[in-house]
Amino acid sequence: IFIGGGYTPVYHRLYASGAVGEMIQQ
């Protein structure tokens, strides 16, 4: 899994919370 760069608040909202964030952690 690769997470790109850009606006950190957008990446945090999309990929560091909720079901998607949990899946990355798993």
mmCIF file of all heavy atoms, coordinates in Angstrom:
data_MODEL
# 
_entry.id   MODEL 
# 
loop_
_atom_site.group_PDB 
_atom_site.id 
_atom_site.type_symbol 
_atom_site.label_atom_id 
_atom_site.label_alt_id 
_atom_site.label_comp_id 
_atom_site.label_asym_id 
_atom_site.label_entity_id 
_atom_site.label_seq_id 
_atom_site.pdbx_PDB_ins_code 
_atom_site.Cartn_x 
_atom_site.Cartn_y 
_atom_site.Cartn_z 
_atom_site.occupancy 
_atom_site.B_iso_or_equiv 
_atom_site.pdbx_formal_charge 
_atom_site.auth_seq_id 
_atom_site.auth_comp_id 
_atom_site.auth_asym_id 
_atom_site.auth_atom_id 
_atom_site.pdbx_PDB_model_num 
ATOM 1   N N   . ILE A 1 1  ? 0.858   -1.189 0.000  1.00 0.00 ? 1  ILE A N   1 
ATOM 2   C CA  . ILE A 1 1  ? 0.000   0.000  0.000  1.00 0.00 ? 1  ILE A CA  1 
ATOM 3   C C   . ILE A 1 1  ? 0.890   1.233  0.000  1.00 0.00 ? 1  ILE A C   1 
ATOM 4   O O   . ILE A 1 1  ? 1.800   1.355  0.829  1.00 0.00 ? 1  ILE A O   1 
ATOM 5   C CB  . ILE A 1 1  ? -0.928  0.020  1.232  1.00 0.00 ? 1  ILE A CB  1 
ATOM 6   C CG1 . ILE A 1 1  ? -1.869  -1.189 1.214  1.00 0.00 ? 1  ILE A CG1 1 
ATOM 7   C CG2 . ILE A 1 1  ? -1.721  1.325  1.294  1.00 0.00 ? 1  ILE A CG2 1 
ATOM 8   C CD1 . ILE A 1 1  ? -2.653  -1.369 2.514  1.00 0.00 ? 1  ILE A CD1 1 
ATOM 9   N N   . PHE A 1 2  ? 0.601   2.149  -0.919 1.00 0.00 ? 2  PHE A N   1 
ATOM 10  C CA  . PHE A 1 2  ? 1.331   3.413  -0.991 1.00 0.00 ? 2  PHE A CA  1 
ATOM 11  C C   . PHE A 1 2  ? 0.342   4.564  -0.830 1.00 0.00 ? 2  PHE A C   1 
ATOM 12  O O   . PHE A 1 2  ? -0.680  4.610  -1.508 1.00 0.00 ? 2  PHE A O   1 
ATOM 13  C CB  . PHE A 1 2  ? 2.055   3.550  -2.331 1.00 0.00 ? 2  PHE A CB  1 
ATOM 14  C CG  . PHE A 1 2  ? 2.882   4.798  -2.434 1.00 0.00 ? 2  PHE A CG  1 
ATOM 15  C CD1 . PHE A 1 2  ? 4.225   4.773  -2.103 1.00 0.00 ? 2  PHE A CD1 1 
ATOM 16  C CD2 . PHE A 1 2  ? 2.332   5.990  -2.849 1.00 0.00 ? 2  PHE A CD2 1 
ATOM 17  C CE1 . PHE A 1 2  ? 5.000   5.925  -2.181 1.00 0.00 ? 2  PHE A CE1 1 
ATOM 18  C CE2 . PHE A 1 2  ? 3.088   7.149  -2.924 1.00 0.00 ? 2  PHE A CE2 1 
ATOM 19  C CZ  . PHE A 1 2  ? 4.430   7.121  -2.592 1.00 0.00 ? 2  PHE A CZ  1 
ATOM 20  N N   . ILE A 1 3  ? 0.681   5.513  0.061  1.00 0.00 ? 3  ILE A N   1 
ATOM 21  C CA  . ILE A 1 3  ? -0.159  6.689  0.303  1.00 0.00 ? 3  ILE A CA  1 
ATOM 22  C C   . ILE A 1 3  ? 0.590   7.911  -0.194 1.00 0.00 ? 3  ILE A C   1 
ATOM 23  O O   . ILE A 1 3  ? 1.698   8.196  0.262  1.00 0.00 ? 3  ILE A O   1 
ATOM 24  C CB  . ILE A 1 3  ? -0.504  6.842  1.799  1.00 0.00 ? 3  ILE A CB  1 
ATOM 25  C CG1 . ILE A 1 3  ? -1.058  5.527  2.358  1.00 0.00 ? 3  ILE A CG1 1 
ATOM 26  C CG2 . ILE A 1 3  ? -1.516  7.971  1.991  1.00 0.00 ? 3  ILE A CG2 1 
ATOM 27  C CD1 . ILE A 1 3  ? -1.250  5.543  3.877  1.00 0.00 ? 3  ILE A CD1 1 
ATOM 28  N N   . GLY A 1 4  ? -0.014  8.621  -1.126 1.00 0.00 ? 4  GLY A N   1 
ATOM 29  C CA  . GLY A 1 4  ? 0.657   9.724  -1.793 1.00 0.00 ? 4  GLY A CA  1 
ATOM 30  C C   . GLY A 1 4  ? 0.714   11.001 -0.975 1.00 0.00 ? 4  GLY A C   1 
ATOM 31  O O   . GLY A 1 4  ? 0.421   11.030 0.220  1.00 0.00 ? 4  GLY A O   1 
ATOM 32  N N   . GLY A 1 5  ? 1.106   12.071 -1.645 1.00 0.00 ? 5  GLY A N   1 
ATOM 33  C CA  . GLY A 1 5  ? 1.265   13.359 -0.991 1.00 0.00 ? 5  GLY A CA  1 
ATOM 34  C C   . GLY A 1 5  ? 0.342   14.407 -1.577 1.00 0.00 ? 5  GLY A C   1 
ATOM 35  O O   . GLY A 1 5  ? -0.222  14.246 -2.666 1.00 0.00 ? 5  GLY A O   1 
ATOM 36  N N   . GLY A 1 6  ? 0.214   15.498 -0.863 1.00 0.00 ? 6  GLY A N   1 
ATOM 37  C CA  . GLY A 1 6  ? -0.678  16.589 -1.247 1.00 0.00 ? 6  GLY A CA  1 
ATOM 38  C C   . GLY A 1 6  ? -1.151  17.294 0.002  1.00 0.00 ? 6  GLY A C   1 
ATOM 39  O O   . GLY A 1 6  ? -0.386  17.481 0.951  1.00 0.00 ? 6  GLY A O   1 
ATOM 40  N N   . TYR A 1 7  ? -2.421  17.653 0.035  1.00 0.00 ? 7  TYR A N   1 
ATOM 41  C CA  . TYR A 1 7  ? -2.984  18.338 1.202  1.00 0.00 ? 7  TYR A CA  1 
ATOM 42  C C   . TYR A 1 7  ? -3.229  17.329 2.316  1.00 0.00 ? 7  TYR A C   1 
ATOM 43  O O   . TYR A 1 7  ? -4.076  16.445 2.200  1.00 0.00 ? 7  TYR A O   1 
ATOM 44  C CB  . TYR A 1 7  ? -4.279  19.052 0.829  1.00 0.00 ? 7  TYR A CB  1 
ATOM 45  C CG  . TYR A 1 7  ? -4.041  20.333 0.062  1.00 0.00 ? 7  TYR A CG  1 
ATOM 46  C CD1 . TYR A 1 7  ? -4.168  20.371 -1.319 1.00 0.00 ? 7  TYR A CD1 1 
ATOM 47  C CD2 . TYR A 1 7  ? -3.667  21.507 0.720  1.00 0.00 ? 7  TYR A CD2 1 
ATOM 48  C CE1 . TYR A 1 7  ? -3.938  21.542 -2.033 1.00 0.00 ? 7  TYR A CE1 1 
ATOM 49  C CE2 . TYR A 1 7  ? -3.425  22.674 0.014  1.00 0.00 ? 7  TYR A CE2 1 
ATOM 50  C CZ  . TYR A 1 7  ? -3.560  22.685 -1.356 1.00 0.00 ? 7  TYR A CZ  1 
ATOM 51  O OH  . TYR A 1 7  ? -3.313  23.843 -2.054 1.00 0.00 ? 7  TYR A OH  1 
ATOM 52  N N   . THR A 1 8  ? -2.507  17.502 3.403  1.00 0.00 ? 8  THR A N   1 
ATOM 53  C CA  . THR A 1 8  ? -2.603  16.541 4.502  1.00 0.00 ? 8  THR A CA  1 
ATOM 54  C C   . THR A 1 8  ? -4.008  16.406 5.066  1.00 0.00 ? 8  THR A C   1 
ATOM 55  O O   . THR A 1 8  ? -4.442  15.284 5.352  1.00 0.00 ? 8  THR A O   1 
ATOM 56  C CB  . THR A 1 8  ? -1.604  16.915 5.618  1.00 0.00 ? 8  THR A CB  1 
ATOM 57  O OG1 . THR A 1 8  ? -0.314  17.100 5.042  1.00 0.00 ? 8  THR A OG1 1 
ATOM 58  C CG2 . THR A 1 8  ? -1.523  15.820 6.667  1.00 0.00 ? 8  THR A CG2 1 
ATOM 59  N N   . PRO A 1 9  ? -4.776  17.505 5.250  1.00 0.00 ? 9  PRO A N   1 
ATOM 60  C CA  . PRO A 1 9  ? -6.141  17.330 5.766  1.00 0.00 ? 9  PRO A CA  1 
ATOM 61  C C   . PRO A 1 9  ? -7.014  16.446 4.882  1.00 0.00 ? 9  PRO A C   1 
ATOM 62  O O   . PRO A 1 9  ? -7.849  15.687 5.391  1.00 0.00 ? 9  PRO A O   1 
ATOM 63  C CB  . PRO A 1 9  ? -6.684  18.764 5.826  1.00 0.00 ? 9  PRO A CB  1 
ATOM 64  C CG  . PRO A 1 9  ? -5.473  19.628 5.953  1.00 0.00 ? 9  PRO A CG  1 
ATOM 65  C CD  . PRO A 1 9  ? -4.424  18.939 5.132  1.00 0.00 ? 9  PRO A CD  1 
ATOM 66  N N   . VAL A 1 10 ? -6.824  16.518 3.573  1.00 0.00 ? 10 VAL A N   1 
ATOM 67  C CA  . VAL A 1 10 ? -7.609  15.678 2.653  1.00 0.00 ? 10 VAL A CA  1 
ATOM 68  C C   . VAL A 1 10 ? -7.207  14.220 2.805  1.00 0.00 ? 10 VAL A C   1 
ATOM 69  O O   . VAL A 1 10 ? -8.058  13.324 2.903  1.00 0.00 ? 10 VAL A O   1 
ATOM 70  C CB  . VAL A 1 10 ? -7.411  16.142 1.200  1.00 0.00 ? 10 VAL A CB  1 
ATOM 71  C CG1 . VAL A 1 10 ? -8.051  15.145 0.221  1.00 0.00 ? 10 VAL A CG1 1 
ATOM 72  C CG2 . VAL A 1 10 ? -8.010  17.532 0.999  1.00 0.00 ? 10 VAL A CG2 1 
ATOM 73  N N   . TYR A 1 11 ? -5.906  13.956 2.844  1.00 0.00 ? 11 TYR A N   1 
ATOM 74  C CA  . TYR A 1 11 ? -5.448  12.581 3.028  1.00 0.00 ? 11 TYR A CA  1 
ATOM 75  C C   . TYR A 1 11 ? -5.909  12.019 4.366  1.00 0.00 ? 11 TYR A C   1 
ATOM 76  O O   . TYR A 1 11 ? -6.291  10.848 4.463  1.00 0.00 ? 11 TYR A O   1 
ATOM 77  C CB  . TYR A 1 11 ? -3.924  12.498 2.918  1.00 0.00 ? 11 TYR A CB  1 
ATOM 78  C CG  . TYR A 1 11 ? -3.448  12.392 1.501  1.00 0.00 ? 11 TYR A CG  1 
ATOM 79  C CD1 . TYR A 1 11 ? -3.246  13.531 0.729  1.00 0.00 ? 11 TYR A CD1 1 
ATOM 80  C CD2 . TYR A 1 11 ? -3.217  11.156 0.914  1.00 0.00 ? 11 TYR A CD2 1 
ATOM 81  C CE1 . TYR A 1 11 ? -2.814  13.440 -0.585 1.00 0.00 ? 11 TYR A CE1 1 
ATOM 82  C CE2 . TYR A 1 11 ? -2.787  11.053 -0.398 1.00 0.00 ? 11 TYR A CE2 1 
ATOM 83  C CZ  . TYR A 1 11 ? -2.592  12.202 -1.143 1.00 0.00 ? 11 TYR A CZ  1 
ATOM 84  O OH  . TYR A 1 11 ? -2.181  12.096 -2.449 1.00 0.00 ? 11 TYR A OH  1 
ATOM 85  N N   . HIS A 1 12 ? -5.877  12.852 5.397  1.00 0.00 ? 12 HIS A N   1 
ATOM 86  C CA  . HIS A 1 12 ? -6.333  12.393 6.713  1.00 0.00 ? 12 HIS A CA  1 
ATOM 87  C C   . HIS A 1 12 ? -7.813  12.030 6.671  1.00 0.00 ? 12 HIS A C   1 
ATOM 88  O O   . HIS A 1 12 ? -8.230  10.991 7.197  1.00 0.00 ? 12 HIS A O   1 
ATOM 89  C CB  . HIS A 1 12 ? -6.076  13.478 7.760  1.00 0.00 ? 12 HIS A CB  1 
ATOM 90  C CG  . HIS A 1 12 ? -6.394  13.049 9.150  1.00 0.00 ? 12 HIS A CG  1 
ATOM 91  N ND1 . HIS A 1 12 ? -7.618  13.306 9.732  1.00 0.00 ? 12 HIS A ND1 1 
ATOM 92  C CD2 . HIS A 1 12 ? -5.674  12.345 10.067 1.00 0.00 ? 12 HIS A CD2 1 
ATOM 93  C CE1 . HIS A 1 12 ? -7.624  12.798 10.949 1.00 0.00 ? 12 HIS A CE1 1 
ATOM 94  N NE2 . HIS A 1 12 ? -6.469  12.210 11.183 1.00 0.00 ? 12 HIS A NE2 1 
ATOM 95  N N   . ARG A 1 13 ? -8.621  12.864 6.044  1.00 0.00 ? 13 ARG A N   1 
ATOM 96  C CA  . ARG A 1 13 ? -10.061 12.585 5.954  1.00 0.00 ? 13 ARG A CA  1 
ATOM 97  C C   . ARG A 1 13 ? -10.340 11.316 5.154  1.00 0.00 ? 13 ARG A C   1 
ATOM 98  O O   . ARG A 1 13 ? -11.184 10.493 5.551  1.00 0.00 ? 13 ARG A O   1 
ATOM 99  C CB  . ARG A 1 13 ? -10.774 13.775 5.302  1.00 0.00 ? 13 ARG A CB  1 
ATOM 100 C CG  . ARG A 1 13 ? -12.255 13.527 5.013  1.00 0.00 ? 13 ARG A CG  1 
ATOM 101 C CD  . ARG A 1 13 ? -12.919 14.743 4.406  1.00 0.00 ? 13 ARG A CD  1 
ATOM 102 N NE  . ARG A 1 13 ? -12.343 15.124 3.130  1.00 0.00 ? 13 ARG A NE  1 
ATOM 103 C CZ  . ARG A 1 13 ? -12.695 14.589 1.954  1.00 0.00 ? 13 ARG A CZ  1 
ATOM 104 N NH1 . ARG A 1 13 ? -13.600 13.604 1.907  1.00 0.00 ? 13 ARG A NH1 1 
ATOM 105 N NH2 . ARG A 1 13 ? -12.136 15.008 0.829  1.00 0.00 ? 13 ARG A NH2 1 
ATOM 106 N N   . LEU A 1 14 ? -9.637  11.143 4.055  1.00 0.00 ? 14 LEU A N   1 
ATOM 107 C CA  . LEU A 1 14 ? -9.921  10.017 3.168  1.00 0.00 ? 14 LEU A CA  1 
ATOM 108 C C   . LEU A 1 14 ? -9.385  8.689  3.697  1.00 0.00 ? 14 LEU A C   1 
ATOM 109 O O   . LEU A 1 14 ? -10.056 7.652  3.586  1.00 0.00 ? 14 LEU A O   1 
ATOM 110 C CB  . LEU A 1 14 ? -9.316  10.276 1.786  1.00 0.00 ? 14 LEU A CB  1 
ATOM 111 C CG  . LEU A 1 14 ? -9.915  11.401 0.952  1.00 0.00 ? 14 LEU A CG  1 
ATOM 112 C CD1 . LEU A 1 14 ? -9.085  11.602 -0.310 1.00 0.00 ? 14 LEU A CD1 1 
ATOM 113 C CD2 . LEU A 1 14 ? -11.365 11.105 0.581  1.00 0.00 ? 14 LEU A CD2 1 
ATOM 114 N N   . TYR A 1 15 ? -8.166  8.712  4.261  1.00 0.00 ? 15 TYR A N   1 
ATOM 115 C CA  . TYR A 1 15 ? -7.448  7.459  4.459  1.00 0.00 ? 15 TYR A CA  1 
ATOM 116 C C   . TYR A 1 15 ? -7.035  7.156  5.898  1.00 0.00 ? 15 TYR A C   1 
ATOM 117 O O   . TYR A 1 15 ? -6.558  6.048  6.165  1.00 0.00 ? 15 TYR A O   1 
ATOM 118 C CB  . TYR A 1 15 ? -6.203  7.442  3.571  1.00 0.00 ? 15 TYR A CB  1 
ATOM 119 C CG  . TYR A 1 15 ? -6.516  7.622  2.108  1.00 0.00 ? 15 TYR A CG  1 
ATOM 120 C CD1 . TYR A 1 15 ? -5.948  8.658  1.365  1.00 0.00 ? 15 TYR A CD1 1 
ATOM 121 C CD2 . TYR A 1 15 ? -7.391  6.758  1.458  1.00 0.00 ? 15 TYR A CD2 1 
ATOM 122 C CE1 . TYR A 1 15 ? -6.237  8.817  0.015  1.00 0.00 ? 15 TYR A CE1 1 
ATOM 123 C CE2 . TYR A 1 15 ? -7.689  6.906  0.109  1.00 0.00 ? 15 TYR A CE2 1 
ATOM 124 C CZ  . TYR A 1 15 ? -7.116  7.940  -0.612 1.00 0.00 ? 15 TYR A CZ  1 
ATOM 125 O OH  . TYR A 1 15 ? -7.406  8.102  -1.942 1.00 0.00 ? 15 TYR A OH  1 
ATOM 126 N N   . ALA A 1 16 ? -7.216  8.093  6.820  1.00 0.00 ? 16 ALA A N   1 
ATOM 127 C CA  . ALA A 1 16 ? -6.760  7.840  8.195  1.00 0.00 ? 16 ALA A CA  1 
ATOM 128 C C   . ALA A 1 16 ? -7.904  7.692  9.175  1.00 0.00 ? 16 ALA A C   1 
ATOM 129 O O   . ALA A 1 16 ? -7.685  7.691  10.388 1.00 0.00 ? 16 ALA A O   1 
ATOM 130 C CB  . ALA A 1 16 ? -5.820  8.961  8.655  1.00 0.00 ? 16 ALA A CB  1 
ATOM 131 N N   . SER A 1 17 ? -9.113  7.560  8.684  1.00 0.00 ? 17 SER A N   1 
ATOM 132 C CA  . SER A 1 17 ? -10.267 7.433  9.574  1.00 0.00 ? 17 SER A CA  1 
ATOM 133 C C   . SER A 1 17 ? -11.293 6.486  8.954  1.00 0.00 ? 17 SER A C   1 
ATOM 134 O O   . SER A 1 17 ? -11.192 6.111  7.788  1.00 0.00 ? 17 SER A O   1 
ATOM 135 C CB  . SER A 1 17 ? -10.906 8.805  9.829  1.00 0.00 ? 17 SER A CB  1 
ATOM 136 O OG  . SER A 1 17 ? -11.357 9.365  8.606  1.00 0.00 ? 17 SER A OG  1 
ATOM 137 N N   . GLY A 1 18 ? -12.271 6.110  9.738  1.00 0.00 ? 18 GLY A N   1 
ATOM 138 C CA  . GLY A 1 18 ? -13.366 5.279  9.253  1.00 0.00 ? 18 GLY A CA  1 
ATOM 139 C C   . GLY A 1 18 ? -12.911 3.911  8.783  1.00 0.00 ? 18 GLY A C   1 
ATOM 140 O O   . GLY A 1 18 ? -11.849 3.401  9.162  1.00 0.00 ? 18 GLY A O   1 
ATOM 141 N N   . ALA A 1 19 ? -13.730 3.314  7.921  1.00 0.00 ? 19 ALA A N   1 
ATOM 142 C CA  . ALA A 1 19 ? -13.485 1.945  7.478  1.00 0.00 ? 19 ALA A CA  1 
ATOM 143 C C   . ALA A 1 19 ? -12.195 1.816  6.677  1.00 0.00 ? 19 ALA A C   1 
ATOM 144 O O   . ALA A 1 19 ? -11.494 0.796  6.769  1.00 0.00 ? 19 ALA A O   1 
ATOM 145 C CB  . ALA A 1 19 ? -14.671 1.453  6.647  1.00 0.00 ? 19 ALA A CB  1 
ATOM 146 N N   . VAL A 1 20 ? -11.869 2.838  5.899  1.00 0.00 ? 20 VAL A N   1 
ATOM 147 C CA  . VAL A 1 20 ? -10.647 2.768  5.089  1.00 0.00 ? 20 VAL A CA  1 
ATOM 148 C C   . VAL A 1 20 ? -9.406  2.791  5.984  1.00 0.00 ? 20 VAL A C   1 
ATOM 149 O O   . VAL A 1 20 ? -8.476  2.002  5.807  1.00 0.00 ? 20 VAL A O   1 
ATOM 150 C CB  . VAL A 1 20 ? -10.610 3.914  4.057  1.00 0.00 ? 20 VAL A CB  1 
ATOM 151 C CG1 . VAL A 1 20 ? -9.262  3.953  3.346  1.00 0.00 ? 20 VAL A CG1 1 
ATOM 152 C CG2 . VAL A 1 20 ? -11.735 3.743  3.039  1.00 0.00 ? 20 VAL A CG2 1 
ATOM 153 N N   . GLY A 1 21 ? -9.390  3.704  6.953  1.00 0.00 ? 21 GLY A N   1 
ATOM 154 C CA  . GLY A 1 21 ? -8.275  3.745  7.888  1.00 0.00 ? 21 GLY A CA  1 
ATOM 155 C C   . GLY A 1 21 ? -8.119  2.436  8.644  1.00 0.00 ? 21 GLY A C   1 
ATOM 156 O O   . GLY A 1 21 ? -6.996  1.939  8.835  1.00 0.00 ? 21 GLY A O   1 
ATOM 157 N N   . GLU A 1 22 ? -9.240  1.867  9.072  1.00 0.00 ? 22 GLU A N   1 
ATOM 158 C CA  . GLU A 1 22 ? -9.189  0.591  9.792  1.00 0.00 ? 22 GLU A CA  1 
ATOM 159 C C   . GLU A 1 22 ? -8.646  -0.528 8.901  1.00 0.00 ? 22 GLU A C   1 
ATOM 160 O O   . GLU A 1 22 ? -7.883  -1.386 9.363  1.00 0.00 ? 22 GLU A O   1 
ATOM 161 C CB  . GLU A 1 22 ? -10.581 0.238  10.302 1.00 0.00 ? 22 GLU A CB  1 
ATOM 162 C CG  . GLU A 1 22 ? -11.067 1.141  11.430 1.00 0.00 ? 22 GLU A CG  1 
ATOM 163 C CD  . GLU A 1 22 ? -12.484 0.819  11.852 1.00 0.00 ? 22 GLU A CD  1 
ATOM 164 O OE1 . GLU A 1 22 ? -13.055 -0.166 11.309 1.00 0.00 ? 22 GLU A OE1 1 
ATOM 165 O OE2 . GLU A 1 22 ? -13.023 1.538  12.722 1.00 0.00 ? 22 GLU A OE2 1 
ATOM 166 N N   . MET A 1 23 ? -9.011  -0.509 7.625  1.00 0.00 ? 23 MET A N   1 
ATOM 167 C CA  . MET A 1 23 ? -8.521  -1.553 6.714  1.00 0.00 ? 23 MET A CA  1 
ATOM 168 C C   . MET A 1 23 ? -7.023  -1.425 6.497  1.00 0.00 ? 23 MET A C   1 
ATOM 169 O O   . MET A 1 23 ? -6.299  -2.436 6.456  1.00 0.00 ? 23 MET A O   1 
ATOM 170 C CB  . MET A 1 23 ? -9.262  -1.482 5.379  1.00 0.00 ? 23 MET A CB  1 
ATOM 171 C CG  . MET A 1 23 ? -8.814  -2.529 4.365  1.00 0.00 ? 23 MET A CG  1 
ATOM 172 S SD  . MET A 1 23 ? -8.993  -4.237 4.960  1.00 0.00 ? 23 MET A SD  1 
ATOM 173 C CE  . MET A 1 23 ? -10.793 -4.363 4.976  1.00 0.00 ? 23 MET A CE  1 
ATOM 174 N N   . ILE A 1 24 ? -6.529  -0.204 6.342  1.00 0.00 ? 24 ILE A N   1 
ATOM 175 C CA  . ILE A 1 24 ? -5.082  -0.010 6.193  1.00 0.00 ? 24 ILE A CA  1 
ATOM 176 C C   . ILE A 1 24 ? -4.366  -0.532 7.435  1.00 0.00 ? 24 ILE A C   1 
ATOM 177 O O   . ILE A 1 24 ? -3.339  -1.222 7.337  1.00 0.00 ? 24 ILE A O   1 
ATOM 178 C CB  . ILE A 1 24 ? -4.754  1.469  5.943  1.00 0.00 ? 24 ILE A CB  1 
ATOM 179 C CG1 . ILE A 1 24 ? -5.309  1.911  4.579  1.00 0.00 ? 24 ILE A CG1 1 
ATOM 180 C CG2 . ILE A 1 24 ? -3.240  1.708  6.003  1.00 0.00 ? 24 ILE A CG2 1 
ATOM 181 C CD1 . ILE A 1 24 ? -5.203  3.402  4.318  1.00 0.00 ? 24 ILE A CD1 1 
ATOM 182 N N   . GLN A 1 25 ? -4.900  -0.237 8.607  1.00 0.00 ? 25 GLN A N   1 
ATOM 183 C CA  . GLN A 1 25 ? -4.303  -0.733 9.854  1.00 0.00 ? 25 GLN A CA  1 
ATOM 184 C C   . GLN A 1 25 ? -4.307  -2.250 9.903  1.00 0.00 ? 25 GLN A C   1 
ATOM 185 O O   . GLN A 1 25 ? -3.314  -2.873 10.313 1.00 0.00 ? 25 GLN A O   1 
ATOM 186 C CB  . GLN A 1 25 ? -5.058  -0.160 11.049 1.00 0.00 ? 25 GLN A CB  1 
ATOM 187 C CG  . GLN A 1 25 ? -4.872  1.336  11.239 1.00 0.00 ? 25 GLN A CG  1 
ATOM 188 C CD  . GLN A 1 25 ? -5.825  1.910  12.264 1.00 0.00 ? 25 GLN A CD  1 
ATOM 189 O OE1 . GLN A 1 25 ? -6.955  1.433  12.429 1.00 0.00 ? 25 GLN A OE1 1 
ATOM 190 N NE2 . GLN A 1 25 ? -5.388  2.943  12.964 1.00 0.00 ? 25 GLN A NE2 1 
ATOM 191 N N   . GLN A 1 26 ? -5.401  -2.870 9.484  1.00 0.00 ? 26 GLN A N   1 
ATOM 192 C CA  . GLN A 1 26 ? -5.491  -4.326 9.494  1.00 0.00 ? 26 GLN A CA  1 
ATOM 193 C C   . GLN A 1 26 ? -4.495  -4.948 8.508  1.00 0.00 ? 26 GLN A C   1 
ATOM 194 O O   . GLN A 1 26 ? -3.842  -5.957 8.831  1.00 0.00 ? 26 GLN A O   1 
ATOM 195 C CB  . GLN A 1 26 ? -6.913  -4.757 9.148  1.00 0.00 ? 26 GLN A CB  1 
ATOM 196 C CG  . GLN A 1 26 ? -7.927  -4.448 10.238 1.00 0.00 ? 26 GLN A CG  1 
ATOM 197 C CD  . GLN A 1 26 ? -9.360  -4.710 9.789  1.00 0.00 ? 26 GLN A CD  1 
ATOM 198 O OE1 . GLN A 1 26 ? -9.586  -5.415 8.804  1.00 0.00 ? 26 GLN A OE1 1 
ATOM 199 N NE2 . GLN A 1 26 ? -10.321 -4.137 10.495 1.00 0.00 ? 26 GLN A NE2 1 
# 
